[in-house]
Amino acid sequence: MTACSRPVVKGLVGITFLEFLRAQLVGEWYPAGTGSRKTLWSVAPGIGLELGL
């Protein structure tokens, strides 16, 4: 089994600049659970564009 077949805890912190530019930091944690799986985690930066529709 892979990390995609188990629960994930995800957190996001973001800030918006000039009403349309967004910077964010996303963290993911995959708990070990049962069996021989390892606990996995990642942190990734991101940028985005806010569109008001």
Protein backbone atom coordinates (compact mmCIF):
# COMPACT_ATOMS: atom_id res chain seq x y z
CA MET A 1 0.00 0.00 0.00
CA THR A 2 1.09 3.55 -0.59
CA ALA A 3 0.62 6.81 1.32
CA CYS A 4 -2.37 7.59 -0.90
CA SER A 5 -4.40 4.76 0.65
CA ARG A 6 -4.34 6.06 4.23
CA PRO A 7 -5.56 9.09 6.17
CA VAL A 8 -3.77 12.41 5.84
CA VAL A 9 -3.78 15.47 8.09
CA LYS A 10 -3.35 18.67 6.08
CA GLY A 11 -2.83 22.23 7.27
CA LEU A 12 -2.61 25.45 5.30
CA VAL A 13 -1.48 28.94 6.22
CA GLY A 14 -1.98 31.65 3.62
CA ILE A 15 -1.89 35.39 3.20
CA THR A 16 -3.34 37.56 0.42
CA PHE A 17 -1.56 40.64 -0.94
CA LEU A 18 -3.09 43.43 -3.04
CA GLU A 19 -6.48 41.67 -2.97
CA PHE A 20 -5.46 39.05 -5.58
CA LEU A 21 -1.99 37.58 -4.92
CA ARG A 22 -1.77 34.71 -2.44
CA ALA A 23 1.22 33.07 -0.74
CA GLN A 24 0.72 29.89 1.27
CA LEU A 25 2.49 27.15 3.17
CA VAL A 26 0.94 23.67 3.09
CA GLY A 27 1.88 20.87 5.50
CA GLU A 28 0.82 17.22 5.20
CA TRP A 29 1.25 14.39 7.70
CA TYR A 30 0.53 10.73 6.99
CA PRO A 31 0.37 8.81 10.29
CA ALA A 32 2.07 5.40 10.43
CA GLY A 33 -1.10 3.50 11.30
CA THR A 34 -0.87 -0.31 11.31
CA GLY A 35 1.65 -2.59 9.65
CA SER A 36 5.14 -1.61 8.56
CA ARG A 37 4.25 1.84 7.17
CA LYS A 38 6.42 4.78 8.09
CA THR A 39 5.08 8.14 9.20
CA LEU A 40 5.45 10.54 6.27
CA TRP A 41 5.26 14.36 6.23
CA SER A 42 5.87 17.22 3.84
CA VAL A 43 5.86 21.02 3.80
CA ALA A 44 5.47 22.91 0.53
CA PRO A 45 5.27 26.61 -0.37
CA GLY A 46 2.75 27.86 -2.91
CA ILE A 47 1.63 30.97 -4.72
CA GLY A 48 -1.71 31.72 -6.26
CA LEU A 49 -4.04 34.20 -7.86
CA GLU A 50 -7.37 35.07 -6.21
CA LEU A 51 -10.17 35.53 -8.74
CA GLY A 52 -13.43 37.10 -7.64
CA LEU A 53 -16.19 35.67 -9.83
